[in-house]
Amino acid sequence: MSARLPSWAWVTGLTAGAIVAVVFLAVQADGGPHPKATAAHPSASKPAATGSAAPKDKDAGPAAVPADSGTGRRIVYSLAQHRVWLVDASDTPRRTFTVWAGTVSPDPGSYSVYTRRDATTGSDGVKIEHIIYFTAKSGINIAFSNAVDGSSPPPASGTRTGGIRMPKADGAALWAFGTEGTKVRVVK
């Protein structure tokens, strides 16, 4: 006559074996390399490689905030540099990044964020998010945004767009910074 083990004994044995395997793998993983945190501010992130004519950062360090960009907490957008700065109340740049300009550019001057929208489809047919509107020109709304898929293809030929696009991570940072009423300074 053969002796049969009760089901609780099987469950206990399998559970103990699984715990031993997990502990073994944890010890092995602990011996490997560990990632290190780095300071994120200010950053000089580069646009994602999408095959578009995105501007390139010319140097490894962050660009200086333009002298004629005002004072205090603000978003600064340089038309010539295709660059945005997020500047805190003490005039310290917290983040800077390059952008892709639309076909309709805002005039140099001072504006304020007047509305925000989580997501929509841009006038170029691209799904966008983190939309921050600050002016309009010739009937075209001018806003910062990023493509949901992270790309920034050039607008279709003849399409008039006021979207100032940026890489996804920069769009999220601008969205967190640019609440309604935030000053926007556009410089040449």
N, C-alpha and C. Protein backbone atom coordinates (compact mmCIF):
# COMPACT_ATOMS: atom_id res chain seq x y z
N MET A 1 0.83 -1.16 0.00
CA MET A 1 0.00 0.00 0.00
C MET A 1 0.89 1.24 0.00
N SER A 2 0.57 2.18 -0.85
CA SER A 2 1.40 3.38 -0.95
C SER A 2 0.80 4.50 -0.12
N ALA A 3 1.70 5.30 0.47
CA ALA A 3 1.25 6.43 1.29
C ALA A 3 1.08 7.66 0.40
N ARG A 4 -0.02 8.36 0.60
CA ARG A 4 -0.30 9.57 -0.17
C ARG A 4 -0.07 10.79 0.69
N LEU A 5 0.60 11.81 0.09
CA LEU A 5 0.81 13.06 0.81
C LEU A 5 -0.45 13.91 0.73
N PRO A 6 -0.80 14.56 1.83
CA PRO A 6 -1.98 15.44 1.79
C PRO A 6 -1.68 16.66 0.91
N SER A 7 -2.73 17.30 0.37
CA SER A 7 -2.57 18.44 -0.54
C SER A 7 -1.87 19.62 0.12
N TRP A 8 -2.09 19.83 1.42
CA TRP A 8 -1.43 20.93 2.10
C TRP A 8 0.09 20.77 2.08
N ALA A 9 0.57 19.54 2.10
CA ALA A 9 2.01 19.28 2.08
C ALA A 9 2.59 19.66 0.72
N TRP A 10 1.85 19.37 -0.35
CA TRP A 10 2.30 19.75 -1.69
C TRP A 10 2.35 21.28 -1.82
N VAL A 11 1.32 21.95 -1.36
CA VAL A 11 1.25 23.41 -1.46
C VAL A 11 2.38 24.04 -0.65
N THR A 12 2.62 23.52 0.55
CA THR A 12 3.70 24.04 1.39
C THR A 12 5.05 23.84 0.72
N GLY A 13 5.29 22.70 0.16
CA GLY A 13 6.56 22.41 -0.51
C GLY A 13 6.78 23.30 -1.73
N LEU A 14 5.75 23.50 -2.53
CA LEU A 14 5.87 24.35 -3.72
C LEU A 14 6.09 25.82 -3.32
N THR A 15 5.39 26.27 -2.28
CA THR A 15 5.56 27.64 -1.81
C THR A 15 6.99 27.86 -1.30
N ALA A 16 7.50 26.93 -0.53
CA ALA A 16 8.87 27.05 0.00
C ALA A 16 9.88 27.08 -1.15
N GLY A 17 9.67 26.25 -2.17
CA GLY A 17 10.57 26.24 -3.33
C GLY A 17 10.54 27.57 -4.08
N ALA A 18 9.34 28.15 -4.21
CA ALA A 18 9.22 29.44 -4.90
C ALA A 18 9.92 30.54 -4.12
N ILE A 19 9.80 30.52 -2.80
CA ILE A 19 10.47 31.53 -1.96
C ILE A 19 11.98 31.42 -2.10
N VAL A 20 12.50 30.21 -2.09
CA VAL A 20 13.95 30.00 -2.25
C VAL A 20 14.40 30.54 -3.60
N ALA A 21 13.63 30.31 -4.66
CA ALA A 21 14.00 30.78 -6.00
C ALA A 21 14.01 32.32 -6.05
N VAL A 22 13.00 32.95 -5.45
CA VAL A 22 12.94 34.41 -5.44
C VAL A 22 14.10 35.00 -4.66
N VAL A 23 14.41 34.44 -3.50
CA VAL A 23 15.53 34.93 -2.70
C VAL A 23 16.84 34.79 -3.48
N PHE A 24 17.03 33.66 -4.14
CA PHE A 24 18.23 33.44 -4.93
C PHE A 24 18.35 34.51 -6.03
N LEU A 25 17.27 34.76 -6.76
CA LEU A 25 17.30 35.76 -7.83
C LEU A 25 17.54 37.17 -7.28
N ALA A 26 16.96 37.49 -6.12
CA ALA A 26 17.16 38.80 -5.50
C ALA A 26 18.62 39.01 -5.11
N VAL A 27 19.25 37.99 -4.56
CA VAL A 27 20.67 38.07 -4.19
C VAL A 27 21.51 38.28 -5.45
N GLN A 28 21.19 37.56 -6.53
CA GLN A 28 21.93 37.72 -7.78
C GLN A 28 21.77 39.14 -8.34
N ALA A 29 20.55 39.67 -8.29
CA ALA A 29 20.30 41.00 -8.82
C ALA A 29 20.99 42.08 -8.00
N ASP A 30 21.09 41.87 -6.70
CA ASP A 30 21.72 42.86 -5.82
C ASP A 30 23.21 43.03 -6.15
N GLY A 31 23.82 42.02 -6.74
CA GLY A 31 25.24 42.10 -7.08
C GLY A 31 25.51 42.85 -8.36
N GLY A 32 24.47 43.19 -9.13
CA GLY A 32 24.63 43.87 -10.42
C GLY A 32 24.78 45.38 -10.27
N PRO A 33 24.88 46.09 -11.41
CA PRO A 33 25.01 47.55 -11.38
C PRO A 33 23.70 48.20 -10.92
N HIS A 34 23.83 49.36 -10.26
CA HIS A 34 22.67 50.10 -9.78
C HIS A 34 22.62 51.44 -10.47
N PRO A 35 21.42 51.88 -10.95
CA PRO A 35 21.33 53.20 -11.57
C PRO A 35 21.51 54.29 -10.53
N LYS A 36 22.04 55.42 -10.97
CA LYS A 36 22.25 56.55 -10.08
C LYS A 36 21.36 57.70 -10.52
N ALA A 37 20.74 58.40 -9.60
CA ALA A 37 19.92 59.56 -9.91
C ALA A 37 20.82 60.73 -10.26
N THR A 38 20.36 61.54 -11.21
CA THR A 38 21.11 62.75 -11.57
C THR A 38 20.19 63.94 -11.46
N ALA A 39 20.76 65.11 -11.26
CA ALA A 39 19.97 66.33 -11.17
C ALA A 39 19.33 66.61 -12.52
N ALA A 40 18.06 67.02 -12.49
CA ALA A 40 17.34 67.24 -13.73
C ALA A 40 17.19 68.72 -14.08
N HIS A 41 17.64 69.63 -13.25
CA HIS A 41 17.41 71.04 -13.51
C HIS A 41 18.71 71.81 -13.48
N PRO A 42 18.95 72.74 -14.38
CA PRO A 42 18.21 72.87 -15.62
C PRO A 42 18.66 71.83 -16.63
N SER A 43 17.81 71.50 -17.58
CA SER A 43 18.18 70.52 -18.59
C SER A 43 18.30 71.20 -19.93
N ALA A 44 18.96 70.54 -20.81
CA ALA A 44 19.05 71.00 -22.20
C ALA A 44 18.72 69.81 -23.07
N SER A 45 17.49 69.37 -23.00
CA SER A 45 17.11 68.18 -23.74
C SER A 45 17.07 68.47 -25.22
N LYS A 46 17.23 67.41 -26.00
CA LYS A 46 17.24 67.55 -27.44
C LYS A 46 15.98 66.91 -28.00
N PRO A 47 15.48 67.44 -29.13
CA PRO A 47 14.29 66.85 -29.72
C PRO A 47 14.53 65.40 -30.12
N ALA A 48 13.46 64.63 -30.06
CA ALA A 48 13.55 63.22 -30.46
C ALA A 48 13.87 63.14 -31.95
N ALA A 49 14.60 62.12 -32.32
CA ALA A 49 14.94 61.93 -33.72
C ALA A 49 13.70 61.43 -34.45
N THR A 50 13.14 62.26 -35.32
CA THR A 50 11.92 61.88 -36.02
C THR A 50 12.07 61.99 -37.52
N GLY A 51 13.21 62.42 -37.98
CA GLY A 51 13.39 62.60 -39.40
C GLY A 51 12.92 63.97 -39.87
N SER A 52 12.36 64.77 -38.96
CA SER A 52 11.92 66.10 -39.35
C SER A 52 13.09 67.06 -39.25
N ALA A 53 12.86 68.26 -39.69
CA ALA A 53 13.91 69.27 -39.67
C ALA A 53 13.95 69.95 -38.31
N ALA A 54 14.09 69.19 -37.27
CA ALA A 54 14.11 69.73 -35.91
C ALA A 54 15.43 70.44 -35.68
N PRO A 55 15.36 71.56 -34.95
CA PRO A 55 16.60 72.27 -34.65
C PRO A 55 17.48 71.44 -33.73
N LYS A 56 18.75 71.63 -33.83
CA LYS A 56 19.72 70.89 -33.00
C LYS A 56 20.36 71.84 -32.00
N ASP A 57 20.59 71.36 -30.79
CA ASP A 57 21.33 72.16 -29.82
C ASP A 57 22.76 72.30 -30.34
N LYS A 58 23.29 73.50 -30.30
CA LYS A 58 24.62 73.75 -30.86
C LYS A 58 25.74 73.44 -29.88
N ASP A 59 25.43 73.39 -28.59
CA ASP A 59 26.47 73.07 -27.62
C ASP A 59 25.91 72.15 -26.56
N ALA A 60 26.77 71.63 -25.74
CA ALA A 60 26.35 70.66 -24.73
C ALA A 60 25.70 71.33 -23.53
N GLY A 61 26.02 72.60 -23.26
CA GLY A 61 25.48 73.28 -22.10
C GLY A 61 24.18 74.01 -22.42
N PRO A 62 23.41 74.34 -21.37
CA PRO A 62 22.17 75.06 -21.60
C PRO A 62 22.43 76.48 -22.10
N ALA A 63 21.59 76.93 -23.00
CA ALA A 63 21.71 78.28 -23.54
C ALA A 63 21.22 79.29 -22.50
N ALA A 64 21.81 80.48 -22.52
CA ALA A 64 21.44 81.53 -21.58
C ALA A 64 20.08 82.11 -21.94
N VAL A 65 19.32 82.50 -20.93
CA VAL A 65 18.03 83.14 -21.15
C VAL A 65 18.29 84.49 -21.82
N PRO A 66 17.55 84.83 -22.89
CA PRO A 66 17.78 86.11 -23.56
C PRO A 66 17.62 87.29 -22.59
N ALA A 67 18.50 88.27 -22.72
CA ALA A 67 18.52 89.42 -21.82
C ALA A 67 17.24 90.24 -21.90
N ASP A 68 16.60 90.28 -23.05
CA ASP A 68 15.41 91.11 -23.24
C ASP A 68 14.11 90.34 -22.99
N SER A 69 14.16 89.31 -22.12
CA SER A 69 13.00 88.45 -21.92
C SER A 69 12.17 88.78 -20.69
N GLY A 70 12.45 89.90 -20.03
CA GLY A 70 11.67 90.28 -18.86
C GLY A 70 12.25 89.71 -17.58
N THR A 71 11.45 89.76 -16.53
CA THR A 71 11.87 89.26 -15.23
C THR A 71 10.73 88.47 -14.59
N GLY A 72 11.07 87.72 -13.55
CA GLY A 72 10.07 86.96 -12.82
C GLY A 72 9.75 85.62 -13.47
N ARG A 73 8.78 84.94 -12.89
CA ARG A 73 8.38 83.61 -13.36
C ARG A 73 7.73 83.76 -14.74
N ARG A 74 8.27 83.00 -15.73
CA ARG A 74 7.79 83.16 -17.09
C ARG A 74 8.25 82.02 -17.98
N ILE A 75 7.59 81.92 -19.12
CA ILE A 75 8.00 81.05 -20.21
C ILE A 75 8.61 81.99 -21.26
N VAL A 76 9.82 81.69 -21.70
CA VAL A 76 10.46 82.51 -22.73
C VAL A 76 10.58 81.68 -23.99
N TYR A 77 10.15 82.26 -25.12
CA TYR A 77 10.23 81.58 -26.41
C TYR A 77 11.02 82.45 -27.37
N SER A 78 12.16 81.94 -27.86
CA SER A 78 12.99 82.65 -28.82
C SER A 78 12.66 82.15 -30.23
N LEU A 79 12.20 83.07 -31.08
CA LEU A 79 11.87 82.72 -32.45
C LEU A 79 13.11 82.30 -33.24
N ALA A 80 14.20 83.03 -33.08
CA ALA A 80 15.42 82.75 -33.84
C ALA A 80 16.11 81.46 -33.39
N GLN A 81 16.09 81.20 -32.09
CA GLN A 81 16.78 80.01 -31.56
C GLN A 81 15.90 78.77 -31.54
N HIS A 82 14.60 78.92 -31.80
CA HIS A 82 13.66 77.80 -31.68
C HIS A 82 13.83 77.13 -30.32
N ARG A 83 13.81 77.95 -29.27
CA ARG A 83 14.11 77.46 -27.93
C ARG A 83 13.14 78.07 -26.93
N VAL A 84 12.83 77.27 -25.89
CA VAL A 84 11.97 77.71 -24.79
C VAL A 84 12.74 77.57 -23.49
N TRP A 85 12.53 78.52 -22.58
CA TRP A 85 13.08 78.45 -21.22
C TRP A 85 11.92 78.52 -20.24
N LEU A 86 12.00 77.77 -19.18
CA LEU A 86 11.07 77.88 -18.06
C LEU A 86 11.85 78.55 -16.95
N VAL A 87 11.45 79.78 -16.61
CA VAL A 87 12.22 80.61 -15.68
C VAL A 87 11.40 80.80 -14.40
N ASP A 88 12.02 80.55 -13.24
CA ASP A 88 11.30 80.67 -11.97
C ASP A 88 11.26 82.13 -11.50
N ALA A 89 10.60 82.36 -10.37
CA ALA A 89 10.40 83.72 -9.84
C ALA A 89 11.70 84.44 -9.51
N SER A 90 12.78 83.68 -9.25
CA SER A 90 14.07 84.31 -8.93
C SER A 90 14.93 84.51 -10.19
N ASP A 91 14.30 84.40 -11.37
CA ASP A 91 14.96 84.56 -12.67
C ASP A 91 15.98 83.45 -12.98
N THR A 92 15.82 82.31 -12.35
CA THR A 92 16.69 81.17 -12.60
C THR A 92 16.02 80.24 -13.62
N PRO A 93 16.73 79.92 -14.74
CA PRO A 93 16.13 78.99 -15.70
C PRO A 93 16.07 77.59 -15.10
N ARG A 94 14.90 76.98 -15.10
CA ARG A 94 14.71 75.63 -14.55
C ARG A 94 14.81 74.56 -15.62
N ARG A 95 14.54 74.93 -16.86
CA ARG A 95 14.62 73.97 -17.96
C ARG A 95 14.67 74.76 -19.25
N THR A 96 15.40 74.25 -20.22
CA THR A 96 15.43 74.84 -21.56
C THR A 96 15.48 73.71 -22.58
N PHE A 97 14.85 73.93 -23.72
CA PHE A 97 14.79 72.90 -24.75
C PHE A 97 14.46 73.53 -26.10
N THR A 98 14.84 72.85 -27.16
CA THR A 98 14.52 73.33 -28.50
C THR A 98 13.13 72.84 -28.89
N VAL A 99 12.53 73.57 -29.84
CA VAL A 99 11.16 73.28 -30.28
C VAL A 99 11.09 73.32 -31.80
N TRP A 100 9.99 72.81 -32.32
CA TRP A 100 9.69 72.90 -33.74
C TRP A 100 8.60 73.95 -33.89
N ALA A 101 8.87 75.00 -34.64
CA ALA A 101 7.90 76.08 -34.82
C ALA A 101 6.85 75.72 -35.85
N GLY A 102 5.64 76.27 -35.68
CA GLY A 102 4.59 76.12 -36.67
C GLY A 102 4.87 77.04 -37.85
N THR A 103 3.94 77.11 -38.78
CA THR A 103 4.13 77.97 -39.95
C THR A 103 3.70 79.40 -39.68
N VAL A 104 2.93 79.63 -38.61
CA VAL A 104 2.52 80.97 -38.19
C VAL A 104 3.18 81.23 -36.84
N SER A 105 4.04 82.25 -36.78
CA SER A 105 4.76 82.55 -35.54
C SER A 105 4.13 83.74 -34.82
N PRO A 106 4.18 83.74 -33.49
CA PRO A 106 3.68 84.90 -32.76
C PRO A 106 4.63 86.08 -32.95
N ASP A 107 4.12 87.28 -32.79
CA ASP A 107 4.96 88.47 -32.82
C ASP A 107 5.72 88.55 -31.50
N PRO A 108 6.94 89.12 -31.51
CA PRO A 108 7.63 89.34 -30.24
C PRO A 108 6.76 90.20 -29.32
N GLY A 109 6.78 89.86 -28.03
CA GLY A 109 5.99 90.62 -27.07
C GLY A 109 5.68 89.81 -25.84
N SER A 110 4.83 90.39 -24.99
CA SER A 110 4.44 89.75 -23.73
C SER A 110 3.01 89.25 -23.83
N TYR A 111 2.79 88.03 -23.37
CA TYR A 111 1.49 87.38 -23.40
C TYR A 111 1.28 86.66 -22.07
N SER A 112 0.12 86.04 -21.92
CA SER A 112 -0.16 85.20 -20.76
C SER A 112 -0.87 83.95 -21.24
N VAL A 113 -0.64 82.84 -20.55
CA VAL A 113 -1.38 81.61 -20.85
C VAL A 113 -2.84 81.90 -20.53
N TYR A 114 -3.72 81.76 -21.55
CA TYR A 114 -5.13 82.06 -21.31
C TYR A 114 -6.01 80.82 -21.25
N THR A 115 -5.54 79.70 -21.75
CA THR A 115 -6.28 78.45 -21.60
C THR A 115 -5.35 77.28 -21.86
N ARG A 116 -5.76 76.13 -21.33
CA ARG A 116 -4.99 74.89 -21.48
C ARG A 116 -5.96 73.79 -21.89
N ARG A 117 -5.45 72.83 -22.62
CA ARG A 117 -6.28 71.70 -23.04
C ARG A 117 -5.44 70.44 -22.95
N ASP A 118 -5.99 69.39 -22.33
CA ASP A 118 -5.26 68.14 -22.15
C ASP A 118 -4.82 67.53 -23.48
N ALA A 119 -5.77 67.36 -24.39
CA ALA A 119 -5.44 66.69 -25.66
C ALA A 119 -6.47 67.04 -26.72
N THR A 120 -6.04 66.97 -27.98
CA THR A 120 -6.92 67.18 -29.13
C THR A 120 -6.15 66.74 -30.38
N THR A 121 -6.72 67.01 -31.53
CA THR A 121 -6.02 66.79 -32.79
C THR A 121 -5.65 68.16 -33.34
N GLY A 122 -4.37 68.33 -33.67
CA GLY A 122 -3.89 69.61 -34.19
C GLY A 122 -4.43 69.89 -35.58
N SER A 123 -4.28 71.13 -36.04
CA SER A 123 -4.76 71.50 -37.37
C SER A 123 -4.02 70.75 -38.48
N ASP A 124 -2.89 70.13 -38.13
CA ASP A 124 -2.15 69.32 -39.10
C ASP A 124 -2.55 67.85 -39.06
N GLY A 125 -3.57 67.52 -38.24
CA GLY A 125 -4.06 66.14 -38.16
C GLY A 125 -3.32 65.26 -37.18
N VAL A 126 -2.33 65.79 -36.46
CA VAL A 126 -1.54 65.03 -35.50
C VAL A 126 -2.21 65.09 -34.12
N LYS A 127 -2.32 63.95 -33.43
CA LYS A 127 -2.86 63.94 -32.07
C LYS A 127 -1.83 64.59 -31.15
N ILE A 128 -2.28 65.62 -30.40
CA ILE A 128 -1.39 66.38 -29.53
C ILE A 128 -1.93 66.42 -28.11
N GLU A 129 -1.02 66.73 -27.16
CA GLU A 129 -1.41 66.84 -25.76
C GLU A 129 -0.64 68.00 -25.12
N HIS A 130 -1.02 68.33 -23.88
CA HIS A 130 -0.35 69.41 -23.13
C HIS A 130 -0.39 70.72 -23.92
N ILE A 131 -1.57 71.13 -24.37
CA ILE A 131 -1.71 72.31 -25.21
C ILE A 131 -1.88 73.54 -24.31
N ILE A 132 -1.00 74.51 -24.51
CA ILE A 132 -1.00 75.74 -23.72
C ILE A 132 -1.12 76.92 -24.68
N TYR A 133 -2.31 77.53 -24.73
CA TYR A 133 -2.58 78.65 -25.63
C TYR A 133 -2.17 79.96 -24.99
N PHE A 134 -1.53 80.84 -25.80
CA PHE A 134 -1.14 82.14 -25.25
C PHE A 134 -1.41 83.32 -26.17
N THR A 135 -1.74 83.12 -27.45
CA THR A 135 -2.11 84.22 -28.34
C THR A 135 -2.70 83.65 -29.62
N ALA A 136 -3.08 84.54 -30.52
CA ALA A 136 -3.55 84.16 -31.86
C ALA A 136 -3.01 85.20 -32.84
N LYS A 137 -2.83 84.77 -34.08
CA LYS A 137 -2.34 85.69 -35.11
C LYS A 137 -3.00 85.29 -36.43
N SER A 138 -3.57 86.26 -37.10
CA SER A 138 -4.23 86.02 -38.39
C SER A 138 -5.26 84.89 -38.30
N GLY A 139 -5.99 84.84 -37.19
CA GLY A 139 -7.02 83.82 -37.02
C GLY A 139 -6.51 82.44 -36.64
N ILE A 140 -5.21 82.32 -36.40
CA ILE A 140 -4.60 81.03 -36.03
C ILE A 140 -4.20 81.10 -34.56
N ASN A 141 -4.68 80.12 -33.76
CA ASN A 141 -4.27 80.05 -32.35
C ASN A 141 -2.82 79.62 -32.26
N ILE A 142 -2.07 80.27 -31.38
CA ILE A 142 -0.66 79.94 -31.14
C ILE A 142 -0.59 79.24 -29.78
N ALA A 143 0.00 78.05 -29.78
CA ALA A 143 0.06 77.26 -28.54
C ALA A 143 1.28 76.36 -28.53
N PHE A 144 1.75 76.07 -27.33
CA PHE A 144 2.78 75.05 -27.12
C PHE A 144 2.07 73.70 -27.01
N SER A 145 2.69 72.64 -27.52
CA SER A 145 2.12 71.30 -27.38
C SER A 145 3.18 70.27 -27.74
N ASN A 146 2.84 69.02 -27.50
CA ASN A 146 3.69 67.93 -27.99
C ASN A 146 2.81 66.87 -28.63
N ALA A 147 3.35 66.19 -29.62
CA ALA A 147 2.62 65.10 -30.26
C ALA A 147 2.52 63.94 -29.28
N VAL A 148 1.36 63.30 -29.24
CA VAL A 148 1.14 62.17 -28.33
C VAL A 148 2.17 61.07 -28.59
N ASP A 149 2.51 60.83 -29.86
CA ASP A 149 3.47 59.77 -30.18
C ASP A 149 4.92 60.24 -30.09
N GLY A 150 5.14 61.50 -29.69
CA GLY A 150 6.49 62.02 -29.51
C GLY A 150 7.13 62.56 -30.77
N SER A 151 6.50 62.39 -31.92
CA SER A 151 7.09 62.86 -33.17
C SER A 151 6.74 64.32 -33.42
N SER A 152 7.36 64.91 -34.41
CA SER A 152 6.99 66.24 -34.85
C SER A 152 7.25 66.36 -36.34
N PRO A 153 6.36 65.75 -37.13
CA PRO A 153 6.56 65.81 -38.58
C PRO A 153 6.31 67.23 -39.08
N PRO A 154 6.95 67.59 -40.18
CA PRO A 154 6.69 68.92 -40.73
C PRO A 154 5.23 69.01 -41.18
N PRO A 155 4.61 70.20 -41.05
CA PRO A 155 3.21 70.35 -41.45
C PRO A 155 3.03 70.08 -42.94
N ALA A 156 1.83 69.63 -43.30
CA ALA A 156 1.53 69.38 -44.71
C ALA A 156 1.70 70.68 -45.50
N SER A 157 2.14 70.55 -46.71
CA SER A 157 2.39 71.71 -47.55
C SER A 157 1.14 72.59 -47.62
N GLY A 158 1.32 73.89 -47.37
CA GLY A 158 0.22 74.84 -47.42
C GLY A 158 -0.61 74.92 -46.16
N THR A 159 -0.37 74.08 -45.16
CA THR A 159 -1.13 74.11 -43.91
C THR A 159 -0.60 75.22 -43.02
N ARG A 160 -1.52 76.02 -42.49
CA ARG A 160 -1.15 77.10 -41.57
C ARG A 160 -1.33 76.57 -40.15
N THR A 161 -0.24 76.49 -39.41
CA THR A 161 -0.31 75.97 -38.05
C THR A 161 0.36 76.94 -37.07
N GLY A 162 -0.20 77.03 -35.89
CA GLY A 162 0.37 77.87 -34.84
C GLY A 162 0.94 77.04 -33.70
N GLY A 163 1.04 75.74 -33.93
CA GLY A 163 1.56 74.85 -32.90
C GLY A 163 3.07 74.94 -32.78
N ILE A 164 3.54 75.15 -31.56
CA ILE A 164 4.98 75.13 -31.27
C ILE A 164 5.20 73.80 -30.57
N ARG A 165 5.76 72.84 -31.30
CA ARG A 165 5.87 71.47 -30.80
C ARG A 165 7.20 71.23 -30.13
N MET A 166 7.18 70.28 -29.23
CA MET A 166 8.38 69.92 -28.48
C MET A 166 8.36 68.44 -28.18
N PRO A 167 9.51 67.87 -27.78
CA PRO A 167 9.54 66.46 -27.37
C PRO A 167 8.59 66.23 -26.19
N LYS A 168 8.14 65.01 -26.05
CA LYS A 168 7.13 64.62 -25.06
C LYS A 168 7.52 65.01 -23.62
N ALA A 169 8.73 64.72 -23.20
CA ALA A 169 9.15 65.03 -21.82
C ALA A 169 9.15 66.53 -21.57
N ASP A 170 9.55 67.32 -22.56
CA ASP A 170 9.53 68.77 -22.43
C ASP A 170 8.10 69.30 -22.40
N GLY A 171 7.22 68.67 -23.17
CA GLY A 171 5.81 69.04 -23.14
C GLY A 171 5.19 68.83 -21.77
N ALA A 172 5.54 67.72 -21.12
CA ALA A 172 5.03 67.44 -19.77
C ALA A 172 5.57 68.47 -18.77
N ALA A 173 6.85 68.85 -18.90
CA ALA A 173 7.44 69.84 -18.00
C ALA A 173 6.78 71.21 -18.21
N LEU A 174 6.55 71.59 -19.46
CA LEU A 174 5.91 72.87 -19.74
C LEU A 174 4.47 72.87 -19.22
N TRP A 175 3.78 71.76 -19.37
CA TRP A 175 2.41 71.63 -18.88
C TRP A 175 2.35 71.84 -17.36
N ALA A 176 3.30 71.27 -16.64
CA ALA A 176 3.34 71.42 -15.18
C ALA A 176 3.67 72.87 -14.79
N PHE A 177 4.49 73.53 -15.58
CA PHE A 177 4.96 74.89 -15.27
C PHE A 177 3.95 75.96 -15.71
N GLY A 178 3.37 75.80 -16.89
CA GLY A 178 2.57 76.84 -17.53
C GLY A 178 1.10 76.83 -17.18
N THR A 179 0.78 77.19 -15.96
CA THR A 179 -0.62 77.27 -15.55
C THR A 179 -1.26 78.52 -16.16
N GLU A 180 -2.59 78.59 -16.12
CA GLU A 180 -3.28 79.77 -16.64
C GLU A 180 -2.77 81.02 -15.94
N GLY A 181 -2.52 82.07 -16.71
CA GLY A 181 -2.01 83.31 -16.17
C GLY A 181 -0.49 83.42 -16.20
N THR A 182 0.23 82.32 -16.44
CA THR A 182 1.69 82.36 -16.50
C THR A 182 2.11 83.29 -17.64
N LYS A 183 3.10 84.15 -17.37
CA LYS A 183 3.61 85.06 -18.38
C LYS A 183 4.36 84.28 -19.47
N VAL A 184 4.19 84.71 -20.71
CA VAL A 184 4.92 84.15 -21.86
C VAL A 184 5.58 85.34 -22.55
N ARG A 185 6.88 85.28 -22.70
CA ARG A 185 7.62 86.36 -23.35
C ARG A 185 8.21 85.79 -24.64
N VAL A 186 7.81 86.37 -25.78
CA VAL A 186 8.35 85.95 -27.08
C VAL A 186 9.39 86.97 -27.51
N VAL A 187 10.59 86.49 -27.82
CA VAL A 187 11.68 87.36 -28.26
C VAL A 187 12.16 86.91 -29.64
N LYS A 188 12.85 87.85 -30.31
CA LYS A 188 13.40 87.49 -31.64
C LYS A 188 14.50 86.52 -31.48
